[in-house]
N, C-alpha and C. Protein backbone atom coordinates (compact mmCIF):
# COMPACT_ATOMS: atom_id res chain seq x y z
N GLN A 1 11.43 -3.18 9.42
CA GLN A 1 10.61 -4.12 8.68
C GLN A 1 9.63 -3.35 7.80
N LEU A 2 9.56 -3.75 6.55
CA LEU A 2 8.70 -3.05 5.60
C LEU A 2 7.24 -3.33 5.92
N GLN A 3 6.43 -2.29 5.86
CA GLN A 3 4.99 -2.43 6.02
C GLN A 3 4.30 -1.92 4.78
N LEU A 4 3.28 -2.65 4.34
CA LEU A 4 2.56 -2.31 3.12
C LEU A 4 1.08 -2.16 3.43
N VAL A 5 0.50 -1.10 2.88
CA VAL A 5 -0.93 -0.87 3.08
C VAL A 5 -1.57 -0.56 1.73
N GLU A 6 -2.51 -1.42 1.33
CA GLU A 6 -3.24 -1.19 0.09
C GLU A 6 -4.47 -0.33 0.35
N SER A 7 -4.87 0.39 -0.67
CA SER A 7 -6.11 1.17 -0.60
C SER A 7 -6.64 1.37 -2.00
N GLY A 8 -7.87 1.82 -2.09
CA GLY A 8 -8.46 2.15 -3.38
C GLY A 8 -9.49 1.15 -3.88
N GLY A 9 -9.64 0.03 -3.19
CA GLY A 9 -10.63 -0.92 -3.63
C GLY A 9 -12.04 -0.36 -3.51
N ASP A 10 -12.89 -0.79 -4.43
CA ASP A 10 -14.24 -0.23 -4.45
C ASP A 10 -15.12 -1.10 -5.33
N LEU A 11 -16.40 -0.75 -5.36
CA LEU A 11 -17.35 -1.35 -6.29
C LEU A 11 -17.34 -0.51 -7.56
N VAL A 12 -17.15 -1.16 -8.70
CA VAL A 12 -17.09 -0.45 -9.97
C VAL A 12 -17.87 -1.23 -11.01
N GLN A 13 -18.42 -0.52 -11.96
CA GLN A 13 -19.20 -1.17 -13.01
C GLN A 13 -18.29 -1.79 -14.06
N PRO A 14 -18.76 -2.82 -14.74
CA PRO A 14 -17.97 -3.39 -15.83
C PRO A 14 -17.60 -2.32 -16.85
N GLY A 15 -16.35 -2.38 -17.30
CA GLY A 15 -15.85 -1.38 -18.22
C GLY A 15 -15.22 -0.18 -17.54
N GLY A 16 -15.38 -0.09 -16.24
CA GLY A 16 -14.85 1.05 -15.51
C GLY A 16 -13.38 0.91 -15.16
N SER A 17 -12.87 1.90 -14.46
CA SER A 17 -11.46 1.95 -14.08
C SER A 17 -11.33 2.18 -12.58
N LEU A 18 -10.19 1.78 -12.07
CA LEU A 18 -9.89 1.95 -10.66
C LEU A 18 -8.39 2.00 -10.50
N ARG A 19 -7.92 2.77 -9.53
CA ARG A 19 -6.50 2.79 -9.24
C ARG A 19 -6.28 2.39 -7.78
N LEU A 20 -5.50 1.36 -7.60
CA LEU A 20 -5.13 0.91 -6.26
C LEU A 20 -3.77 1.48 -5.88
N SER A 21 -3.62 1.71 -4.59
CA SER A 21 -2.34 2.20 -4.07
C SER A 21 -1.76 1.20 -3.09
N CYS A 22 -0.46 1.15 -3.06
CA CYS A 22 0.27 0.33 -2.09
C CYS A 22 1.31 1.24 -1.46
N ALA A 23 1.05 1.66 -0.23
CA ALA A 23 1.94 2.58 0.47
C ALA A 23 2.88 1.80 1.37
N ALA A 24 4.18 2.10 1.26
CA ALA A 24 5.19 1.38 2.02
C ALA A 24 5.82 2.28 3.08
N SER A 25 6.21 1.65 4.18
CA SER A 25 6.94 2.36 5.22
C SER A 25 7.87 1.39 5.92
N GLY A 26 8.89 1.93 6.55
CA GLY A 26 9.76 1.11 7.38
C GLY A 26 10.93 0.48 6.66
N GLY A 27 11.16 0.84 5.42
CA GLY A 27 12.29 0.23 4.71
C GLY A 27 12.68 1.04 3.49
N PRO A 28 13.82 0.68 2.88
CA PRO A 28 14.29 1.39 1.68
C PRO A 28 13.47 0.95 0.46
N TRP A 29 12.46 1.70 0.17
CA TRP A 29 11.48 1.33 -0.85
C TRP A 29 12.13 1.00 -2.19
N ASP A 30 13.18 1.72 -2.54
CA ASP A 30 13.78 1.50 -3.85
C ASP A 30 14.69 0.28 -3.90
N GLU A 31 14.69 -0.53 -2.87
CA GLU A 31 15.44 -1.79 -2.87
C GLU A 31 14.51 -3.00 -2.92
N TYR A 32 13.24 -2.75 -3.21
CA TYR A 32 12.26 -3.83 -3.22
C TYR A 32 11.58 -3.96 -4.57
N THR A 33 11.56 -5.18 -5.07
CA THR A 33 10.68 -5.51 -6.18
C THR A 33 9.27 -5.62 -5.62
N VAL A 34 8.30 -5.13 -6.35
CA VAL A 34 6.92 -5.12 -5.87
C VAL A 34 6.02 -5.91 -6.81
N GLY A 35 5.19 -6.73 -6.21
CA GLY A 35 4.23 -7.49 -6.98
C GLY A 35 2.80 -7.18 -6.55
N TRP A 36 1.90 -7.22 -7.49
CA TRP A 36 0.46 -7.15 -7.22
C TRP A 36 -0.13 -8.53 -7.46
N PHE A 37 -0.94 -8.96 -6.53
CA PHE A 37 -1.57 -10.27 -6.60
C PHE A 37 -3.06 -10.09 -6.35
N ARG A 38 -3.82 -11.10 -6.69
CA ARG A 38 -5.25 -11.06 -6.38
C ARG A 38 -5.75 -12.46 -6.06
N GLN A 39 -6.80 -12.47 -5.29
CA GLN A 39 -7.43 -13.75 -4.96
C GLN A 39 -8.94 -13.57 -5.00
N ALA A 40 -9.55 -14.28 -5.93
CA ALA A 40 -11.00 -14.24 -6.07
C ALA A 40 -11.62 -15.29 -5.17
N PRO A 41 -12.88 -15.13 -4.79
CA PRO A 41 -13.54 -16.11 -3.92
C PRO A 41 -13.46 -17.51 -4.52
N GLY A 42 -12.98 -18.44 -3.74
CA GLY A 42 -12.92 -19.82 -4.17
C GLY A 42 -11.80 -20.15 -5.14
N LYS A 43 -10.93 -19.18 -5.38
CA LYS A 43 -9.84 -19.41 -6.33
C LYS A 43 -8.49 -19.22 -5.65
N GLU A 44 -7.47 -19.72 -6.29
CA GLU A 44 -6.12 -19.54 -5.77
C GLU A 44 -5.62 -18.13 -6.07
N ARG A 45 -4.63 -17.74 -5.29
CA ARG A 45 -4.01 -16.44 -5.52
C ARG A 45 -3.33 -16.41 -6.88
N GLU A 46 -3.43 -15.27 -7.53
CA GLU A 46 -2.88 -15.10 -8.87
C GLU A 46 -1.96 -13.88 -8.90
N GLY A 47 -0.81 -14.05 -9.50
CA GLY A 47 0.07 -12.90 -9.71
C GLY A 47 -0.44 -12.06 -10.85
N VAL A 48 -0.49 -10.78 -10.67
CA VAL A 48 -1.05 -9.86 -11.66
C VAL A 48 0.04 -9.07 -12.37
N LEU A 49 0.90 -8.44 -11.60
CA LEU A 49 1.95 -7.59 -12.14
C LEU A 49 3.15 -7.62 -11.22
N CYS A 50 4.30 -7.45 -11.81
CA CYS A 50 5.53 -7.34 -11.02
C CYS A 50 6.32 -6.17 -11.58
N VAL A 51 6.85 -5.32 -10.70
CA VAL A 51 7.61 -4.17 -11.15
C VAL A 51 8.95 -4.14 -10.43
N SER A 52 9.97 -3.79 -11.16
CA SER A 52 11.33 -3.77 -10.60
C SER A 52 11.47 -2.66 -9.56
N SER A 53 12.56 -2.73 -8.82
CA SER A 53 12.73 -1.81 -7.70
C SER A 53 12.79 -0.35 -8.14
N ARG A 54 13.32 -0.09 -9.30
CA ARG A 54 13.37 1.30 -9.79
C ARG A 54 12.15 1.66 -10.63
N GLY A 55 11.30 0.66 -10.85
CA GLY A 55 10.09 0.93 -11.62
C GLY A 55 10.29 0.97 -13.12
N GLU A 56 11.46 0.51 -13.58
CA GLU A 56 11.75 0.63 -15.01
C GLU A 56 11.33 -0.59 -15.80
N ARG A 57 11.13 -1.70 -15.13
CA ARG A 57 10.71 -2.92 -15.82
C ARG A 57 9.49 -3.49 -15.12
N SER A 58 8.64 -4.13 -15.89
CA SER A 58 7.48 -4.80 -15.30
C SER A 58 7.06 -5.96 -16.18
N ILE A 59 6.38 -6.89 -15.58
CA ILE A 59 5.77 -7.98 -16.33
C ILE A 59 4.31 -8.06 -15.91
N THR A 60 3.50 -8.51 -16.84
CA THR A 60 2.05 -8.49 -16.64
C THR A 60 1.47 -9.85 -16.97
N ALA A 61 0.54 -10.30 -16.15
CA ALA A 61 -0.15 -11.56 -16.42
C ALA A 61 -1.00 -11.42 -17.68
N ASN A 62 -1.11 -12.49 -18.42
CA ASN A 62 -1.88 -12.46 -19.68
C ASN A 62 -3.34 -12.07 -19.42
N SER A 63 -3.85 -12.43 -18.27
CA SER A 63 -5.25 -12.16 -17.97
C SER A 63 -5.57 -10.67 -17.86
N VAL A 64 -4.55 -9.84 -17.63
CA VAL A 64 -4.79 -8.41 -17.47
C VAL A 64 -3.97 -7.57 -18.44
N LYS A 65 -3.23 -8.22 -19.30
CA LYS A 65 -2.36 -7.49 -20.22
C LYS A 65 -3.20 -6.55 -21.11
N GLY A 66 -2.69 -5.34 -21.25
CA GLY A 66 -3.40 -4.35 -22.05
C GLY A 66 -4.45 -3.58 -21.26
N ARG A 67 -4.73 -4.02 -20.04
CA ARG A 67 -5.74 -3.35 -19.22
C ARG A 67 -5.16 -2.80 -17.90
N PHE A 68 -4.20 -3.49 -17.33
CA PHE A 68 -3.62 -3.10 -16.04
C PHE A 68 -2.19 -2.62 -16.26
N THR A 69 -1.83 -1.57 -15.56
CA THR A 69 -0.45 -1.09 -15.57
C THR A 69 -0.02 -0.74 -14.15
N VAL A 70 1.27 -0.64 -13.96
CA VAL A 70 1.81 -0.35 -12.64
C VAL A 70 2.76 0.84 -12.72
N HIS A 71 2.78 1.60 -11.66
CA HIS A 71 3.65 2.77 -11.58
C HIS A 71 4.15 2.90 -10.16
N ARG A 72 5.42 3.25 -10.02
CA ARG A 72 5.99 3.48 -8.69
C ARG A 72 6.35 4.95 -8.53
N ASP A 73 5.97 5.49 -7.41
CA ASP A 73 6.33 6.85 -7.05
C ASP A 73 7.29 6.76 -5.86
N HIS A 74 8.57 6.95 -6.14
CA HIS A 74 9.55 6.76 -5.07
C HIS A 74 9.53 7.91 -4.07
N ALA A 75 9.09 9.06 -4.49
CA ALA A 75 8.99 10.19 -3.56
C ALA A 75 7.92 9.93 -2.50
N LYS A 76 6.90 9.16 -2.89
CA LYS A 76 5.80 8.85 -1.96
C LYS A 76 5.87 7.44 -1.41
N ASN A 77 6.89 6.69 -1.78
CA ASN A 77 7.01 5.29 -1.34
C ASN A 77 5.72 4.51 -1.62
N THR A 78 5.20 4.69 -2.80
CA THR A 78 3.91 4.10 -3.16
C THR A 78 3.98 3.49 -4.55
N ALA A 79 3.31 2.35 -4.69
CA ALA A 79 3.13 1.72 -5.99
C ALA A 79 1.65 1.76 -6.32
N TYR A 80 1.35 2.00 -7.58
CA TYR A 80 -0.03 2.13 -8.02
C TYR A 80 -0.34 1.05 -9.05
N LEU A 81 -1.54 0.52 -8.96
CA LEU A 81 -2.04 -0.42 -9.95
C LEU A 81 -3.23 0.24 -10.63
N GLN A 82 -3.04 0.61 -11.88
CA GLN A 82 -4.11 1.22 -12.66
C GLN A 82 -4.84 0.11 -13.41
N MET A 83 -6.13 0.02 -13.19
CA MET A 83 -6.94 -1.04 -13.78
C MET A 83 -8.00 -0.41 -14.65
N ASN A 84 -7.99 -0.75 -15.93
CA ASN A 84 -8.96 -0.24 -16.88
C ASN A 84 -9.77 -1.38 -17.48
N SER A 85 -10.87 -1.03 -18.10
CA SER A 85 -11.74 -2.02 -18.76
C SER A 85 -12.03 -3.19 -17.83
N LEU A 86 -12.44 -2.88 -16.64
CA LEU A 86 -12.65 -3.92 -15.64
C LEU A 86 -13.81 -4.83 -16.01
N ASP A 87 -13.65 -6.06 -15.65
CA ASP A 87 -14.61 -7.13 -15.96
C ASP A 87 -15.00 -7.81 -14.65
N PRO A 88 -16.19 -8.36 -14.57
CA PRO A 88 -16.56 -9.08 -13.34
C PRO A 88 -15.55 -10.15 -12.93
N GLU A 89 -14.83 -10.70 -13.89
CA GLU A 89 -13.80 -11.69 -13.56
C GLU A 89 -12.63 -11.07 -12.80
N ASP A 90 -12.54 -9.76 -12.77
CA ASP A 90 -11.48 -9.09 -12.01
C ASP A 90 -11.83 -8.91 -10.55
N THR A 91 -13.03 -9.29 -10.17
CA THR A 91 -13.43 -9.18 -8.77
C THR A 91 -12.55 -10.06 -7.90
N ALA A 92 -11.93 -9.43 -6.89
CA ALA A 92 -10.99 -10.16 -6.03
C ALA A 92 -10.49 -9.23 -4.94
N VAL A 93 -9.83 -9.81 -3.98
CA VAL A 93 -9.03 -9.03 -3.04
C VAL A 93 -7.65 -8.87 -3.66
N TYR A 94 -7.19 -7.65 -3.74
CA TYR A 94 -5.90 -7.35 -4.35
C TYR A 94 -4.88 -7.05 -3.27
N PHE A 95 -3.73 -7.68 -3.42
CA PHE A 95 -2.64 -7.53 -2.46
C PHE A 95 -1.40 -6.99 -3.15
N CYS A 96 -0.64 -6.20 -2.44
CA CYS A 96 0.70 -5.91 -2.90
C CYS A 96 1.69 -6.62 -1.98
N ALA A 97 2.83 -6.93 -2.53
CA ALA A 97 3.86 -7.62 -1.78
C ALA A 97 5.22 -7.13 -2.26
N ALA A 98 6.23 -7.30 -1.44
CA ALA A 98 7.55 -6.79 -1.77
C ALA A 98 8.62 -7.82 -1.46
N ARG A 99 9.65 -7.79 -2.27
CA ARG A 99 10.79 -8.68 -2.09
C ARG A 99 12.05 -7.85 -2.22
N ARG A 100 12.91 -7.90 -1.23
CA ARG A 100 14.14 -7.11 -1.28
C ARG A 100 15.11 -7.74 -2.25
N THR A 101 15.74 -6.91 -3.05
CA THR A 101 16.65 -7.41 -4.06
C THR A 101 17.78 -6.41 -4.30
N SER A 102 18.92 -6.96 -4.70
CA SER A 102 20.04 -6.10 -5.08
C SER A 102 20.07 -5.87 -6.58
N ASN A 103 19.17 -6.55 -7.28
CA ASN A 103 19.09 -6.44 -8.73
C ASN A 103 17.96 -5.47 -9.09
N SER A 104 18.31 -4.28 -9.49
CA SER A 104 17.31 -3.25 -9.76
C SER A 104 16.46 -3.55 -10.98
N ASP A 105 16.87 -4.53 -11.80
CA ASP A 105 16.10 -4.90 -12.99
C ASP A 105 15.20 -6.11 -12.76
N SER A 106 15.28 -6.68 -11.57
CA SER A 106 14.54 -7.92 -11.32
C SER A 106 13.04 -7.71 -11.36
N VAL A 107 12.37 -8.59 -12.08
CA VAL A 107 10.90 -8.65 -12.06
C VAL A 107 10.49 -10.07 -11.67
N TYR A 108 11.21 -10.58 -10.70
CA TYR A 108 10.95 -11.92 -10.16
C TYR A 108 10.03 -11.79 -8.98
N CYS A 109 8.78 -12.23 -9.13
CA CYS A 109 7.77 -12.01 -8.09
C CYS A 109 6.88 -13.21 -7.82
N PRO A 110 7.42 -14.40 -7.72
CA PRO A 110 6.52 -15.48 -7.31
C PRO A 110 6.04 -15.25 -5.88
N GLY A 111 4.81 -15.61 -5.61
CA GLY A 111 4.25 -15.34 -4.29
C GLY A 111 5.08 -15.91 -3.16
N SER A 112 5.64 -17.08 -3.39
CA SER A 112 6.42 -17.74 -2.35
C SER A 112 7.71 -17.01 -2.03
N ALA A 113 8.14 -16.13 -2.91
CA ALA A 113 9.41 -15.43 -2.72
C ALA A 113 9.24 -14.04 -2.10
N MET A 114 8.01 -13.60 -1.98
CA MET A 114 7.79 -12.24 -1.47
C MET A 114 7.95 -12.22 0.04
N ASN A 115 8.63 -11.19 0.52
CA ASN A 115 8.95 -11.13 1.94
C ASN A 115 7.87 -10.43 2.78
N TYR A 116 7.21 -9.45 2.18
CA TYR A 116 6.24 -8.64 2.93
C TYR A 116 4.95 -8.54 2.12
N TRP A 117 3.85 -8.56 2.85
CA TRP A 117 2.53 -8.50 2.23
C TRP A 117 1.66 -7.47 2.94
N GLY A 118 0.81 -6.82 2.14
CA GLY A 118 -0.24 -6.02 2.72
C GLY A 118 -1.44 -6.90 3.05
N LYS A 119 -2.46 -6.28 3.61
CA LYS A 119 -3.65 -7.04 4.02
C LYS A 119 -4.69 -7.11 2.92
N GLY A 120 -4.52 -6.35 1.88
CA GLY A 120 -5.41 -6.44 0.75
C GLY A 120 -6.50 -5.39 0.72
N THR A 121 -7.04 -5.20 -0.48
CA THR A 121 -8.16 -4.28 -0.67
C THR A 121 -9.11 -4.93 -1.68
N LEU A 122 -10.41 -4.84 -1.41
CA LEU A 122 -11.40 -5.54 -2.19
C LEU A 122 -11.86 -4.73 -3.40
N VAL A 123 -11.81 -5.38 -4.55
CA VAL A 123 -12.33 -4.79 -5.79
C VAL A 123 -13.50 -5.65 -6.24
N THR A 124 -14.64 -5.02 -6.42
CA THR A 124 -15.83 -5.71 -6.90
C THR A 124 -16.28 -5.06 -8.19
N VAL A 125 -16.37 -5.86 -9.23
CA VAL A 125 -16.81 -5.36 -10.53
C VAL A 125 -18.19 -5.96 -10.80
N SER A 126 -19.18 -5.10 -10.78
CA SER A 126 -20.55 -5.58 -10.91
C SER A 126 -21.45 -4.42 -11.33
N SER A 127 -22.48 -4.76 -12.07
CA SER A 127 -23.47 -3.76 -12.45
C SER A 127 -24.63 -3.76 -11.46
């Protein structure tokens, strides 16, 4: 069974950058599509980014487009979420999730379809 552990959350000033990590264990990492999600206080969970199992394709939510990017390191079984130009509106608990797929190009990551979830890491953007 795949296990996911997020890390890297912190307090950062507006305009700053942060990189989150999602470390996987217990499964064939390169057979999973990975999604990053976030949930702000009092708000519903939001999909942020989805990256294909080989890391060659990704889709990005409009709210973070041009500021957030994703990278997969298959040697380390880790996915990274690079967040730049952070805004207080980006304050949330960030989760990574994975969905097993036979389609290496798939960037299908609705929350309801994800099989495994991490416990999240808190990002606070504030001066």
